[in-house]
Amino acid sequence: MLLVLVGILRDYEVQSTKATYSIQDHTGTIKAVWWLENDADTTPNLPAVKEGSYVQVFGSLRKKEEGTDENIIMVLRMFPVDDANIVYNHLLQVIHSRLEAEHMSKNKEVMIKTNNPGAALANSMTFYDDNMDGTGGGSNNMGMTPIQHKVFTLLKQDMSHNGLHRDEIMKHFPPNQRAKVNDALQFLNNEGHVYSTVNNDTFKATDLV
């Protein structure tokens, strides 16, 4: 599962095969590893980040070693943060996600009957059901509504360096769906499926390996 972390870069070390970053947020410090794919004679293409500054990291969570509780982040993308709104927005997203998860958990405990033999399986699949819009296509669209999936597909198919501007995305939808498209972009950005590039209105799909 993709995760997004915004924190302060405390220190980093670049080796021949990987770069290791120590990132601190309001919950603690975690190591982030960026594996390098380059020739010995070339300089690694790493983001221009500085110690003591905020960074935004897209990656996946892994155990450092089997049998240990220490986690690390496998970095897919990393960007320096020069806008305080990104930090504040991330904090609000984290708080909202935790409260939403607690609320959903309490509701599911009431709704799922203990004598239902398929209760555990139903509970594990509810995440996708909650994101469906009633069309029956949610399970094939990564839990997205049709509009969210179409916006994501447009951005995923775009091969430009900077991505697509919001106005360009709007051209693929009727005028009465502008508000839903804006909501879809916000959802995809919050979930880490896309990220803004040159400005807050230009988006690019997050590459997954």
N, C-alpha and C. Protein backbone atom coordinates (compact mmCIF):
# COMPACT_ATOMS: atom_id res chain seq x y z
N MET A 1 0.84 -1.19 0.00
CA MET A 1 0.00 0.00 0.00
C MET A 1 0.88 1.24 0.00
N LEU A 2 0.50 2.21 -0.79
CA LEU A 2 1.26 3.45 -0.89
C LEU A 2 0.99 4.33 0.32
N LEU A 3 2.04 4.96 0.84
CA LEU A 3 1.87 5.90 1.93
C LEU A 3 2.56 7.21 1.59
N VAL A 4 2.14 8.27 2.27
CA VAL A 4 2.72 9.60 2.08
C VAL A 4 3.18 10.10 3.44
N LEU A 5 4.41 10.57 3.51
CA LEU A 5 4.98 11.08 4.75
C LEU A 5 5.51 12.48 4.52
N VAL A 6 5.17 13.40 5.41
CA VAL A 6 5.74 14.74 5.40
C VAL A 6 6.45 14.94 6.73
N GLY A 7 7.74 15.21 6.68
CA GLY A 7 8.51 15.38 7.90
C GLY A 7 9.80 16.13 7.64
N ILE A 8 10.59 16.28 8.70
CA ILE A 8 11.85 17.01 8.62
C ILE A 8 13.00 16.04 8.36
N LEU A 9 13.80 16.34 7.36
CA LEU A 9 14.97 15.51 7.05
C LEU A 9 16.08 15.83 8.06
N ARG A 10 16.38 14.86 8.91
CA ARG A 10 17.40 15.08 9.94
C ARG A 10 18.81 14.81 9.42
N ASP A 11 19.00 13.74 8.67
CA ASP A 11 20.30 13.46 8.07
C ASP A 11 20.11 12.43 6.97
N TYR A 12 21.11 12.30 6.12
CA TYR A 12 21.04 11.30 5.07
C TYR A 12 22.45 10.86 4.68
N GLU A 13 22.52 9.67 4.07
CA GLU A 13 23.79 9.09 3.66
C GLU A 13 23.61 8.45 2.29
N VAL A 14 24.49 8.77 1.37
CA VAL A 14 24.42 8.23 0.01
C VAL A 14 25.55 7.23 -0.17
N GLN A 15 25.18 6.00 -0.56
CA GLN A 15 26.15 4.96 -0.85
C GLN A 15 26.04 4.59 -2.33
N SER A 16 26.81 3.61 -2.73
CA SER A 16 26.84 3.25 -4.16
C SER A 16 25.52 2.65 -4.64
N THR A 17 24.81 1.96 -3.74
CA THR A 17 23.58 1.28 -4.16
C THR A 17 22.31 1.87 -3.58
N LYS A 18 22.43 2.73 -2.56
CA LYS A 18 21.22 3.27 -1.95
C LYS A 18 21.52 4.58 -1.25
N ALA A 19 20.45 5.34 -1.02
CA ALA A 19 20.51 6.55 -0.20
C ALA A 19 19.57 6.33 0.98
N THR A 20 20.06 6.60 2.18
CA THR A 20 19.28 6.40 3.40
C THR A 20 19.00 7.75 4.05
N TYR A 21 17.72 8.01 4.32
CA TYR A 21 17.28 9.27 4.90
C TYR A 21 16.65 9.03 6.27
N SER A 22 16.94 9.90 7.22
CA SER A 22 16.31 9.86 8.53
C SER A 22 15.30 11.01 8.59
N ILE A 23 14.01 10.66 8.70
CA ILE A 23 12.94 11.65 8.62
C ILE A 23 12.14 11.64 9.91
N GLN A 24 11.88 12.82 10.44
CA GLN A 24 11.17 12.97 11.71
C GLN A 24 9.88 13.75 11.50
N ASP A 25 8.78 13.20 12.05
CA ASP A 25 7.54 13.97 12.07
C ASP A 25 7.05 14.05 13.52
N HIS A 26 5.76 14.33 13.72
CA HIS A 26 5.26 14.54 15.07
C HIS A 26 5.05 13.24 15.84
N THR A 27 5.28 12.11 15.19
CA THR A 27 5.11 10.82 15.86
C THR A 27 6.43 10.12 16.15
N GLY A 28 7.52 10.59 15.56
CA GLY A 28 8.81 9.95 15.78
C GLY A 28 9.71 10.07 14.56
N THR A 29 10.71 9.18 14.49
CA THR A 29 11.69 9.19 13.41
C THR A 29 11.70 7.83 12.72
N ILE A 30 11.83 7.86 11.39
CA ILE A 30 11.86 6.63 10.61
C ILE A 30 12.90 6.75 9.51
N LYS A 31 13.48 5.62 9.14
CA LYS A 31 14.45 5.58 8.05
C LYS A 31 13.73 5.37 6.72
N ALA A 32 14.19 6.07 5.71
CA ALA A 32 13.65 5.91 4.35
C ALA A 32 14.81 5.54 3.43
N VAL A 33 14.61 4.52 2.61
CA VAL A 33 15.68 4.01 1.74
C VAL A 33 15.28 4.19 0.29
N TRP A 34 16.18 4.78 -0.48
CA TRP A 34 15.99 4.95 -1.93
C TRP A 34 17.07 4.11 -2.63
N TRP A 35 16.66 3.03 -3.26
CA TRP A 35 17.62 2.18 -3.96
C TRP A 35 17.99 2.82 -5.29
N LEU A 36 19.28 2.81 -5.59
CA LEU A 36 19.79 3.50 -6.77
C LEU A 36 20.05 2.52 -7.90
N GLU A 37 19.74 2.99 -9.09
CA GLU A 37 20.04 2.21 -10.30
C GLU A 37 20.86 3.09 -11.23
N ASN A 38 22.15 3.01 -11.10
CA ASN A 38 23.02 3.84 -11.92
C ASN A 38 24.37 3.17 -12.10
N ASP A 39 25.09 3.61 -13.10
CA ASP A 39 26.44 3.10 -13.35
C ASP A 39 27.41 3.69 -12.34
N ALA A 40 28.49 3.02 -12.16
CA ALA A 40 29.49 3.47 -11.19
C ALA A 40 30.08 4.82 -11.57
N ASP A 41 30.05 5.15 -12.87
CA ASP A 41 30.69 6.39 -13.33
C ASP A 41 29.73 7.56 -13.40
N THR A 42 28.47 7.35 -13.06
CA THR A 42 27.49 8.42 -13.14
C THR A 42 27.05 8.85 -11.75
N THR A 43 26.58 10.09 -11.64
CA THR A 43 26.11 10.63 -10.37
C THR A 43 24.65 10.23 -10.15
N PRO A 44 24.29 9.71 -8.97
CA PRO A 44 22.90 9.32 -8.72
C PRO A 44 21.95 10.51 -8.88
N ASN A 45 20.80 10.24 -9.49
CA ASN A 45 19.79 11.28 -9.70
C ASN A 45 18.89 11.33 -8.48
N LEU A 46 19.29 12.11 -7.47
CA LEU A 46 18.56 12.20 -6.21
C LEU A 46 17.90 13.58 -6.07
N PRO A 47 16.83 13.68 -5.27
CA PRO A 47 16.15 14.97 -5.10
C PRO A 47 17.05 15.96 -4.36
N ALA A 48 16.86 17.24 -4.66
CA ALA A 48 17.64 18.31 -4.04
C ALA A 48 17.03 18.68 -2.69
N VAL A 49 17.33 17.89 -1.68
CA VAL A 49 16.79 18.13 -0.34
C VAL A 49 17.93 18.51 0.61
N LYS A 50 17.56 19.21 1.69
CA LYS A 50 18.55 19.70 2.64
C LYS A 50 18.18 19.23 4.05
N GLU A 51 19.19 18.96 4.86
CA GLU A 51 18.96 18.59 6.25
C GLU A 51 18.31 19.76 6.99
N GLY A 52 17.34 19.43 7.85
CA GLY A 52 16.64 20.46 8.61
C GLY A 52 15.44 21.04 7.89
N SER A 53 15.18 20.57 6.66
CA SER A 53 14.05 21.07 5.88
C SER A 53 12.99 19.98 5.74
N TYR A 54 11.76 20.42 5.45
CA TYR A 54 10.67 19.48 5.26
C TYR A 54 10.77 18.79 3.90
N VAL A 55 10.39 17.52 3.88
CA VAL A 55 10.33 16.76 2.63
C VAL A 55 9.01 16.00 2.59
N GLN A 56 8.56 15.70 1.38
CA GLN A 56 7.37 14.88 1.17
C GLN A 56 7.81 13.59 0.49
N VAL A 57 7.46 12.45 1.09
CA VAL A 57 7.93 11.15 0.62
C VAL A 57 6.73 10.28 0.23
N PHE A 58 6.81 9.68 -0.96
CA PHE A 58 5.85 8.67 -1.40
C PHE A 58 6.59 7.33 -1.41
N GLY A 59 6.01 6.33 -0.76
CA GLY A 59 6.69 5.04 -0.71
C GLY A 59 5.82 3.97 -0.10
N SER A 60 6.44 2.87 0.28
CA SER A 60 5.74 1.75 0.90
C SER A 60 6.48 1.33 2.16
N LEU A 61 5.73 0.81 3.12
CA LEU A 61 6.29 0.44 4.42
C LEU A 61 6.79 -1.00 4.39
N ARG A 62 7.98 -1.20 4.93
CA ARG A 62 8.60 -2.53 4.98
C ARG A 62 9.23 -2.76 6.35
N LYS A 63 9.34 -4.03 6.73
CA LYS A 63 10.11 -4.39 7.90
C LYS A 63 11.59 -4.35 7.56
N LYS A 64 12.39 -3.75 8.46
CA LYS A 64 13.83 -3.68 8.19
C LYS A 64 14.43 -5.06 8.16
N GLU A 65 14.06 -5.89 9.13
CA GLU A 65 14.53 -7.27 9.18
C GLU A 65 13.39 -8.13 9.71
N GLU A 66 13.34 -9.37 9.24
CA GLU A 66 12.33 -10.29 9.72
C GLU A 66 12.50 -10.52 11.22
N GLY A 67 11.38 -10.52 11.94
CA GLY A 67 11.43 -10.76 13.37
C GLY A 67 11.67 -9.51 14.20
N THR A 68 11.79 -8.35 13.57
CA THR A 68 11.98 -7.10 14.30
C THR A 68 10.75 -6.21 14.11
N ASP A 69 10.60 -5.24 15.00
CA ASP A 69 9.48 -4.31 14.93
C ASP A 69 9.86 -3.01 14.22
N GLU A 70 11.11 -2.89 13.78
CA GLU A 70 11.56 -1.66 13.14
C GLU A 70 11.11 -1.61 11.68
N ASN A 71 10.46 -0.51 11.32
CA ASN A 71 9.97 -0.32 9.95
C ASN A 71 10.85 0.67 9.20
N ILE A 72 10.87 0.54 7.89
CA ILE A 72 11.52 1.51 7.02
C ILE A 72 10.58 1.81 5.87
N ILE A 73 10.84 2.93 5.20
CA ILE A 73 10.05 3.30 4.02
C ILE A 73 10.90 3.08 2.78
N MET A 74 10.35 2.33 1.83
CA MET A 74 11.00 2.16 0.53
C MET A 74 10.52 3.31 -0.36
N VAL A 75 11.42 4.22 -0.70
CA VAL A 75 11.05 5.48 -1.36
C VAL A 75 10.78 5.25 -2.85
N LEU A 76 9.64 5.79 -3.31
CA LEU A 76 9.33 5.84 -4.74
C LEU A 76 9.58 7.24 -5.29
N ARG A 77 9.16 8.24 -4.53
CA ARG A 77 9.36 9.64 -4.91
C ARG A 77 9.64 10.46 -3.66
N MET A 78 10.45 11.52 -3.81
CA MET A 78 10.71 12.43 -2.70
C MET A 78 10.84 13.84 -3.25
N PHE A 79 10.20 14.80 -2.55
CA PHE A 79 10.23 16.18 -2.99
C PHE A 79 10.51 17.11 -1.81
N PRO A 80 11.29 18.17 -2.03
CA PRO A 80 11.43 19.17 -0.98
C PRO A 80 10.12 19.94 -0.81
N VAL A 81 9.80 20.33 0.40
CA VAL A 81 8.56 21.08 0.68
C VAL A 81 8.92 22.53 0.95
N ASP A 82 8.43 23.42 0.09
CA ASP A 82 8.69 24.84 0.27
C ASP A 82 7.42 25.63 0.53
N ASP A 83 6.30 24.92 0.78
CA ASP A 83 5.02 25.56 1.04
C ASP A 83 4.49 25.01 2.36
N ALA A 84 4.31 25.90 3.35
CA ALA A 84 3.84 25.46 4.67
C ALA A 84 2.45 24.84 4.60
N ASN A 85 1.66 25.20 3.59
CA ASN A 85 0.32 24.65 3.47
C ASN A 85 0.35 23.14 3.26
N ILE A 86 1.41 22.63 2.62
CA ILE A 86 1.53 21.18 2.40
C ILE A 86 1.68 20.47 3.74
N VAL A 87 2.46 21.07 4.65
CA VAL A 87 2.65 20.48 5.98
C VAL A 87 1.34 20.49 6.76
N TYR A 88 0.66 21.65 6.78
CA TYR A 88 -0.59 21.76 7.53
C TYR A 88 -1.65 20.83 6.93
N ASN A 89 -1.73 20.77 5.61
CA ASN A 89 -2.71 19.92 4.95
C ASN A 89 -2.47 18.44 5.28
N HIS A 90 -1.18 18.06 5.31
CA HIS A 90 -0.85 16.67 5.63
C HIS A 90 -1.26 16.33 7.06
N LEU A 91 -1.00 17.22 8.01
CA LEU A 91 -1.37 16.97 9.39
C LEU A 91 -2.88 16.80 9.53
N LEU A 92 -3.64 17.64 8.82
CA LEU A 92 -5.10 17.53 8.87
C LEU A 92 -5.57 16.21 8.26
N GLN A 93 -4.91 15.78 7.18
CA GLN A 93 -5.27 14.52 6.55
C GLN A 93 -5.03 13.34 7.50
N VAL A 94 -3.90 13.39 8.21
CA VAL A 94 -3.57 12.31 9.14
C VAL A 94 -4.60 12.24 10.25
N ILE A 95 -4.95 13.40 10.82
CA ILE A 95 -5.94 13.44 11.90
C ILE A 95 -7.30 12.94 11.39
N HIS A 96 -7.69 13.41 10.20
CA HIS A 96 -8.97 13.00 9.64
C HIS A 96 -9.01 11.50 9.36
N SER A 97 -7.93 10.96 8.83
CA SER A 97 -7.88 9.53 8.51
C SER A 97 -8.01 8.68 9.77
N ARG A 98 -7.34 9.11 10.86
CA ARG A 98 -7.42 8.34 12.10
C ARG A 98 -8.83 8.37 12.67
N LEU A 99 -9.44 9.57 12.71
CA LEU A 99 -10.80 9.67 13.24
C LEU A 99 -11.79 8.90 12.39
N GLU A 100 -11.60 8.96 11.06
CA GLU A 100 -12.50 8.23 10.16
C GLU A 100 -12.37 6.72 10.35
N ALA A 101 -11.13 6.24 10.51
CA ALA A 101 -10.90 4.81 10.72
C ALA A 101 -11.53 4.35 12.03
N GLU A 102 -11.41 5.17 13.10
CA GLU A 102 -12.01 4.81 14.38
C GLU A 102 -13.53 4.76 14.26
N HIS A 103 -14.10 5.73 13.54
CA HIS A 103 -15.55 5.78 13.37
C HIS A 103 -16.05 4.58 12.57
N MET A 104 -15.34 4.26 11.47
CA MET A 104 -15.73 3.12 10.65
C MET A 104 -15.61 1.81 11.43
N SER A 105 -14.58 1.69 12.25
CA SER A 105 -14.37 0.47 13.02
C SER A 105 -15.51 0.25 14.01
N LYS A 106 -15.93 1.32 14.67
CA LYS A 106 -17.02 1.20 15.64
C LYS A 106 -18.33 0.83 14.95
N ASN A 107 -18.58 1.43 13.80
CA ASN A 107 -19.82 1.14 13.07
C ASN A 107 -19.84 -0.31 12.57
N LYS A 108 -18.70 -0.82 12.10
CA LYS A 108 -18.64 -2.19 11.59
C LYS A 108 -18.88 -3.20 12.69
N GLU A 109 -18.39 -2.91 13.89
CA GLU A 109 -18.58 -3.84 14.99
C GLU A 109 -20.06 -4.00 15.32
N VAL A 110 -20.83 -2.94 15.11
CA VAL A 110 -22.26 -3.01 15.37
C VAL A 110 -22.98 -3.71 14.24
N MET A 111 -22.55 -3.44 12.99
CA MET A 111 -23.26 -3.93 11.82
C MET A 111 -23.02 -5.41 11.55
N ILE A 112 -21.81 -5.92 11.82
CA ILE A 112 -21.47 -7.31 11.49
C ILE A 112 -21.93 -8.25 12.61
N LYS A 113 -22.72 -9.22 12.27
CA LYS A 113 -23.25 -10.15 13.26
C LYS A 113 -22.19 -11.19 13.61
N THR A 114 -22.08 -11.47 14.89
CA THR A 114 -21.05 -12.40 15.34
C THR A 114 -21.33 -13.83 14.90
N ASN A 115 -22.61 -14.16 14.63
CA ASN A 115 -22.92 -15.53 14.22
C ASN A 115 -22.87 -15.72 12.71
N ASN A 116 -22.37 -14.70 11.99
CA ASN A 116 -22.25 -14.81 10.54
C ASN A 116 -20.93 -15.51 10.21
N PRO A 117 -20.93 -16.68 9.60
CA PRO A 117 -19.67 -17.39 9.33
C PRO A 117 -18.76 -16.65 8.36
N GLY A 118 -19.32 -15.72 7.56
CA GLY A 118 -18.49 -14.97 6.62
C GLY A 118 -18.18 -13.58 7.10
N ALA A 119 -18.34 -13.33 8.41
CA ALA A 119 -18.18 -11.97 8.93
C ALA A 119 -16.77 -11.44 8.73
N ALA A 120 -15.75 -12.26 8.98
CA ALA A 120 -14.37 -11.79 8.87
C ALA A 120 -14.05 -11.40 7.44
N LEU A 121 -14.50 -12.21 6.48
CA LEU A 121 -14.24 -11.90 5.08
C LEU A 121 -14.98 -10.64 4.66
N ALA A 122 -16.23 -10.50 5.10
CA ALA A 122 -17.01 -9.31 4.77
C ALA A 122 -16.35 -8.06 5.32
N ASN A 123 -15.81 -8.16 6.55
CA ASN A 123 -15.18 -7.01 7.17
C ASN A 123 -13.94 -6.59 6.41
N SER A 124 -13.17 -7.55 5.89
CA SER A 124 -11.94 -7.23 5.18
C SER A 124 -12.22 -6.59 3.83
N MET A 125 -13.44 -6.77 3.30
CA MET A 125 -13.76 -6.23 1.99
C MET A 125 -14.55 -4.93 2.07
N THR A 126 -14.91 -4.50 3.27
CA THR A 126 -15.77 -3.34 3.41
C THR A 126 -15.09 -2.07 2.92
N PHE A 127 -13.77 -2.03 3.00
CA PHE A 127 -13.05 -0.83 2.54
C PHE A 127 -13.41 -0.51 1.11
N TYR A 128 -13.50 -1.51 0.25
CA TYR A 128 -13.83 -1.28 -1.14
C TYR A 128 -15.30 -0.93 -1.30
N ASP A 129 -16.18 -1.56 -0.50
CA ASP A 129 -17.60 -1.27 -0.60
C ASP A 129 -17.89 0.17 -0.24
N ASP A 130 -17.17 0.71 0.74
CA ASP A 130 -17.42 2.07 1.18
C ASP A 130 -17.10 3.09 0.11
N ASN A 131 -16.28 2.72 -0.86
CA ASN A 131 -15.89 3.65 -1.90
C ASN A 131 -16.70 3.49 -3.17
N MET A 132 -17.63 2.52 -3.19
CA MET A 132 -18.45 2.34 -4.37
C MET A 132 -19.54 3.41 -4.41
N ASP A 133 -20.02 3.69 -5.60
CA ASP A 133 -21.07 4.70 -5.75
C ASP A 133 -22.38 4.07 -6.15
N GLY A 134 -22.49 2.73 -6.04
CA GLY A 134 -23.73 2.06 -6.35
C GLY A 134 -23.78 1.54 -7.77
N THR A 135 -22.74 1.72 -8.56
CA THR A 135 -22.75 1.26 -9.94
C THR A 135 -22.28 -0.17 -10.06
N GLY A 136 -21.70 -0.72 -8.96
CA GLY A 136 -21.23 -2.10 -8.99
C GLY A 136 -19.86 -2.24 -9.58
N GLY A 137 -19.15 -1.13 -9.86
CA GLY A 137 -17.85 -1.25 -10.50
C GLY A 137 -16.70 -0.92 -9.61
N GLY A 138 -16.96 -0.76 -8.29
CA GLY A 138 -15.91 -0.31 -7.40
C GLY A 138 -14.78 -1.29 -7.25
N SER A 139 -15.08 -2.58 -7.21
CA SER A 139 -14.04 -3.57 -6.94
C SER A 139 -13.04 -3.66 -8.07
N ASN A 140 -13.42 -3.23 -9.28
CA ASN A 140 -12.50 -3.28 -10.41
C ASN A 140 -11.76 -1.97 -10.61
N ASN A 141 -12.12 -0.95 -9.81
CA ASN A 141 -11.54 0.38 -9.98
C ASN A 141 -10.72 0.80 -8.77
N MET A 142 -10.14 -0.16 -8.05
CA MET A 142 -9.29 0.14 -6.91
C MET A 142 -10.04 0.92 -5.83
N GLY A 143 -11.36 0.67 -5.70
CA GLY A 143 -12.14 1.35 -4.69
C GLY A 143 -12.52 2.77 -5.05
N MET A 144 -12.34 3.16 -6.31
CA MET A 144 -12.66 4.52 -6.75
C MET A 144 -14.04 4.58 -7.39
N THR A 145 -14.65 5.76 -7.36
CA THR A 145 -15.87 5.99 -8.12
C THR A 145 -15.49 6.07 -9.60
N PRO A 146 -16.46 5.97 -10.51
CA PRO A 146 -16.15 6.06 -11.93
C PRO A 146 -15.42 7.34 -12.32
N ILE A 147 -15.83 8.48 -11.75
CA ILE A 147 -15.16 9.75 -12.09
C ILE A 147 -13.73 9.76 -11.55
N GLN A 148 -13.53 9.30 -10.32
CA GLN A 148 -12.18 9.24 -9.76
C GLN A 148 -11.29 8.33 -10.60
N HIS A 149 -11.83 7.21 -11.03
CA HIS A 149 -11.04 6.27 -11.83
C HIS A 149 -10.71 6.85 -13.20
N LYS A 150 -11.65 7.59 -13.80
CA LYS A 150 -11.39 8.18 -15.11
C LYS A 150 -10.31 9.26 -15.01
N VAL A 151 -10.38 10.09 -13.96
CA VAL A 151 -9.35 11.12 -13.76
C VAL A 151 -7.99 10.46 -13.55
N PHE A 152 -7.95 9.42 -12.72
CA PHE A 152 -6.69 8.72 -12.46
C PHE A 152 -6.14 8.11 -13.75
N THR A 153 -7.03 7.52 -14.57
CA THR A 153 -6.60 6.90 -15.82
C THR A 153 -6.01 7.94 -16.77
N LEU A 154 -6.64 9.12 -16.86
CA LEU A 154 -6.12 10.20 -17.71
C LEU A 154 -4.71 10.59 -17.29
N LEU A 155 -4.51 10.73 -15.98
CA LEU A 155 -3.19 11.13 -15.48
C LEU A 155 -2.17 10.00 -15.65
N LYS A 156 -2.61 8.77 -15.47
CA LYS A 156 -1.70 7.64 -15.60
C LYS A 156 -1.23 7.46 -17.04
N GLN A 157 -2.11 7.78 -18.00
CA GLN A 157 -1.77 7.62 -19.41
C GLN A 157 -0.94 8.78 -19.95
N ASP A 158 -0.91 9.89 -19.20
CA ASP A 158 -0.15 11.05 -19.66
C ASP A 158 1.35 10.82 -19.46
N MET A 159 2.12 11.02 -20.52
CA MET A 159 3.56 10.74 -20.48
C MET A 159 4.41 12.01 -20.39
N SER A 160 3.77 13.19 -20.22
CA SER A 160 4.54 14.42 -20.16
C SER A 160 5.31 14.51 -18.84
N HIS A 161 6.30 15.40 -18.82
CA HIS A 161 7.16 15.51 -17.64
C HIS A 161 6.43 16.11 -16.45
N ASN A 162 5.61 17.14 -16.69
CA ASN A 162 4.97 17.87 -15.60
C ASN A 162 3.58 17.36 -15.27
N GLY A 163 2.96 16.57 -16.16
CA GLY A 163 1.61 16.10 -15.90
C GLY A 163 0.55 16.96 -16.58
N LEU A 164 -0.69 16.82 -16.15
CA LEU A 164 -1.82 17.53 -16.76
C LEU A 164 -2.33 18.63 -15.84
N HIS A 165 -2.66 19.77 -16.46
CA HIS A 165 -3.26 20.86 -15.70
C HIS A 165 -4.73 20.56 -15.45
N ARG A 166 -5.25 21.13 -14.38
CA ARG A 166 -6.64 20.92 -14.02
C ARG A 166 -7.59 21.25 -15.17
N ASP A 167 -7.30 22.36 -15.89
CA ASP A 167 -8.17 22.77 -17.00
C ASP A 167 -8.15 21.74 -18.13
N GLU A 168 -7.00 21.13 -18.38
CA GLU A 168 -6.90 20.11 -19.41
C GLU A 168 -7.72 18.87 -19.04
N ILE A 169 -7.70 18.52 -17.76
CA ILE A 169 -8.49 17.38 -17.30
C ILE A 169 -9.98 17.66 -17.45
N MET A 170 -10.38 18.90 -17.17
CA MET A 170 -11.79 19.27 -17.26
C MET A 170 -12.35 19.10 -18.67
N LYS A 171 -11.51 19.21 -19.69
CA LYS A 171 -11.97 19.09 -21.07
C LYS A 171 -12.55 17.71 -21.37
N HIS A 172 -12.23 16.72 -20.55
CA HIS A 172 -12.70 15.35 -20.78
C HIS A 172 -14.02 15.07 -20.07
N PHE A 173 -14.60 16.09 -19.42
CA PHE A 173 -15.84 15.92 -18.68
C PHE A 173 -16.83 17.03 -19.05
N PRO A 174 -18.12 16.77 -18.94
CA PRO A 174 -19.11 17.82 -19.19
C PRO A 174 -19.02 18.91 -18.12
N PRO A 175 -19.45 20.14 -18.44
CA PRO A 175 -19.33 21.25 -17.49
C PRO A 175 -20.02 21.01 -16.15
N ASN A 176 -21.11 20.25 -16.15
CA ASN A 176 -21.84 20.05 -14.90
C ASN A 176 -21.12 19.09 -13.94
N GLN A 177 -19.99 18.53 -14.37
CA GLN A 177 -19.23 17.62 -13.51
C GLN A 177 -17.94 18.24 -12.98
N ARG A 178 -17.78 19.55 -13.16
CA ARG A 178 -16.53 20.22 -12.72
C ARG A 178 -16.31 20.04 -11.22
N ALA A 179 -17.37 20.18 -10.43
CA ALA A 179 -17.21 20.04 -8.98
C ALA A 179 -16.80 18.62 -8.61
N LYS A 180 -17.37 17.61 -9.29
CA LYS A 180 -17.02 16.22 -9.01
C LYS A 180 -15.58 15.91 -9.44
N VAL A 181 -15.14 16.54 -10.53
CA VAL A 181 -13.76 16.34 -10.98
C VAL A 181 -12.79 16.94 -9.96
N ASN A 182 -13.11 18.14 -9.46
CA ASN A 182 -12.26 18.76 -8.43
C ASN A 182 -12.21 17.89 -7.17
N ASP A 183 -13.37 17.33 -6.79
CA ASP A 183 -13.39 16.43 -5.63
C ASP A 183 -12.56 15.18 -5.89
N ALA A 184 -12.62 14.68 -7.13
CA ALA A 184 -11.84 13.49 -7.48
C ALA A 184 -10.34 13.76 -7.40
N LEU A 185 -9.91 14.93 -7.89
CA LEU A 185 -8.50 15.29 -7.82
C LEU A 185 -8.04 15.41 -6.38
N GLN A 186 -8.88 15.99 -5.53
CA GLN A 186 -8.52 16.12 -4.12
C GLN A 186 -8.41 14.74 -3.46
N PHE A 187 -9.36 13.87 -3.79
CA PHE A 187 -9.32 12.50 -3.24
C PHE A 187 -8.06 11.77 -3.67
N LEU A 188 -7.75 11.81 -4.97
CA LEU A 188 -6.58 11.10 -5.49
C LEU A 188 -5.29 11.65 -4.90
N ASN A 189 -5.24 12.98 -4.71
CA ASN A 189 -4.06 13.61 -4.11
C ASN A 189 -3.91 13.21 -2.65
N ASN A 190 -5.04 13.22 -1.91
CA ASN A 190 -5.00 12.85 -0.50
C ASN A 190 -4.59 11.39 -0.29
N GLU A 191 -5.02 10.52 -1.23
CA GLU A 191 -4.73 9.09 -1.10
C GLU A 191 -3.35 8.73 -1.65
N GLY A 192 -2.65 9.70 -2.27
CA GLY A 192 -1.31 9.43 -2.78
C GLY A 192 -1.29 8.81 -4.16
N HIS A 193 -2.45 8.74 -4.84
CA HIS A 193 -2.48 8.20 -6.20
C HIS A 193 -1.88 9.19 -7.20
N VAL A 194 -2.00 10.48 -6.91
CA VAL A 194 -1.42 11.51 -7.77
C VAL A 194 -0.73 12.54 -6.88
N TYR A 195 0.08 13.39 -7.47
CA TYR A 195 0.72 14.47 -6.72
C TYR A 195 0.83 15.70 -7.62
N SER A 196 0.87 16.87 -7.01
CA SER A 196 1.01 18.11 -7.77
C SER A 196 2.48 18.32 -8.11
N THR A 197 2.74 18.95 -9.25
CA THR A 197 4.11 19.11 -9.73
C THR A 197 4.52 20.58 -9.72
N VAL A 198 4.37 21.29 -10.86
CA VAL A 198 4.88 22.65 -10.97
C VAL A 198 4.03 23.65 -10.20
N ASN A 199 2.76 23.32 -9.94
CA ASN A 199 1.88 24.16 -9.13
C ASN A 199 0.76 23.30 -8.58
N ASN A 200 -0.14 23.93 -7.82
CA ASN A 200 -1.20 23.18 -7.17
C ASN A 200 -2.30 22.73 -8.12
N ASP A 201 -2.25 23.14 -9.39
CA ASP A 201 -3.27 22.77 -10.36
C ASP A 201 -2.75 21.84 -11.45
N THR A 202 -1.53 21.36 -11.32
CA THR A 202 -0.95 20.44 -12.29
C THR A 202 -0.61 19.13 -11.58
N PHE A 203 -1.10 18.03 -12.13
CA PHE A 203 -1.01 16.75 -11.43
C PHE A 203 -0.37 15.67 -12.30
N LYS A 204 0.24 14.72 -11.62
CA LYS A 204 0.87 13.58 -12.29
C LYS A 204 0.59 12.34 -11.45
N ALA A 205 0.34 11.22 -12.12
CA ALA A 205 0.08 9.98 -11.40
C ALA A 205 1.35 9.49 -10.73
N THR A 206 1.21 8.93 -9.54
CA THR A 206 2.35 8.37 -8.82
C THR A 206 2.71 7.03 -9.43
N ASP A 207 3.97 6.86 -9.79
CA ASP A 207 4.43 5.61 -10.39
C ASP A 207 4.63 4.58 -9.30
N LEU A 208 4.12 3.38 -9.53
CA LEU A 208 4.33 2.27 -8.60
C LEU A 208 5.17 1.20 -9.29
N VAL A 209 6.09 0.60 -8.56
CA VAL A 209 6.94 -0.44 -9.13
C VAL A 209 6.53 -1.79 -8.57
